[in-house]
Amino acid sequence: FDFLGKDSIRYRNTVEVELPVYEAIGRFKA
């Protein structure tokens, strides 16, 4: 994804933020 430049950075940052959030939501619902 390096060739996408800013898009790759935005995508990686989004994943890094969302994964812990999804895990927290999963624990909250469990």
C-alpha atoms as a PDB file:
ATOM      1  CA  PHE A   1       0.000   0.000   0.000  1.00  0.00           C
ATOM      2  CA  ASP A   2       3.071   2.264   0.125  1.00  0.00           C
ATOM      3  CA  PHE A   3       2.350   3.575  -3.387  1.00  0.00           C
ATOM      4  CA  LEU A   4      -0.960   5.024  -2.200  1.00  0.00           C
ATOM      5  CA  GLY A   5       0.866   7.531  -0.008  1.00  0.00           C
ATOM      6  CA  LYS A   6      -1.582   9.438   2.207  1.00  0.00           C
ATOM      7  CA  ASP A   7      -4.356   6.905   1.554  1.00  0.00           C
ATOM      8  CA  SER A   8      -2.204   4.072   2.928  1.00  0.00           C
ATOM      9  CA  ILE A   9      -1.381   6.113   6.028  1.00  0.00           C
ATOM     10  CA  ARG A  10      -5.038   7.007   6.552  1.00  0.00           C
ATOM     11  CA  TYR A  11      -6.063   3.357   6.118  1.00  0.00           C
ATOM     12  CA  ARG A  12      -3.436   2.091   8.561  1.00  0.00           C
ATOM     13  CA  ASN A  13      -4.348   4.711  11.159  1.00  0.00           C
ATOM     14  CA  THR A  14      -8.033   3.845  10.804  1.00  0.00           C
ATOM     15  CA  VAL A  15      -7.346   0.154  11.365  1.00  0.00           C
ATOM     16  CA  GLU A  16      -5.158   0.850  14.391  1.00  0.00           C
ATOM     17  CA  VAL A  17      -7.932   2.949  15.935  1.00  0.00           C
ATOM     18  CA  GLU A  18     -10.899   0.756  15.036  1.00  0.00           C
ATOM     19  CA  LEU A  19      -9.541  -2.651  16.082  1.00  0.00           C
ATOM     20  CA  PRO A  20      -9.241  -1.770  19.804  1.00  0.00           C
ATOM     21  CA  VAL A  21     -12.649  -0.088  19.604  1.00  0.00           C
ATOM     22  CA  TYR A  22     -14.265  -3.208  18.139  1.00  0.00           C
ATOM     23  CA  GLU A  23     -12.601  -5.327  20.832  1.00  0.00           C
ATOM     24  CA  ALA A  24     -13.907  -2.983  23.522  1.00  0.00           C
ATOM     25  CA  ILE A  25     -17.423  -3.107  22.047  1.00  0.00           C
ATOM     26  CA  GLY A  26     -17.225  -6.898  21.884  1.00  0.00           C
ATOM     27  CA  ARG A  27     -16.297  -7.046  25.566  1.00  0.00           C
ATOM     28  CA  PHE A  28     -19.050  -4.581  26.448  1.00  0.00           C
ATOM     29  CA  LYS A  29     -21.715  -6.641  24.629  1.00  0.00           C
ATOM     30  CA  ALA A  30     -20.397  -9.968  25.943  1.00  0.00           C
END
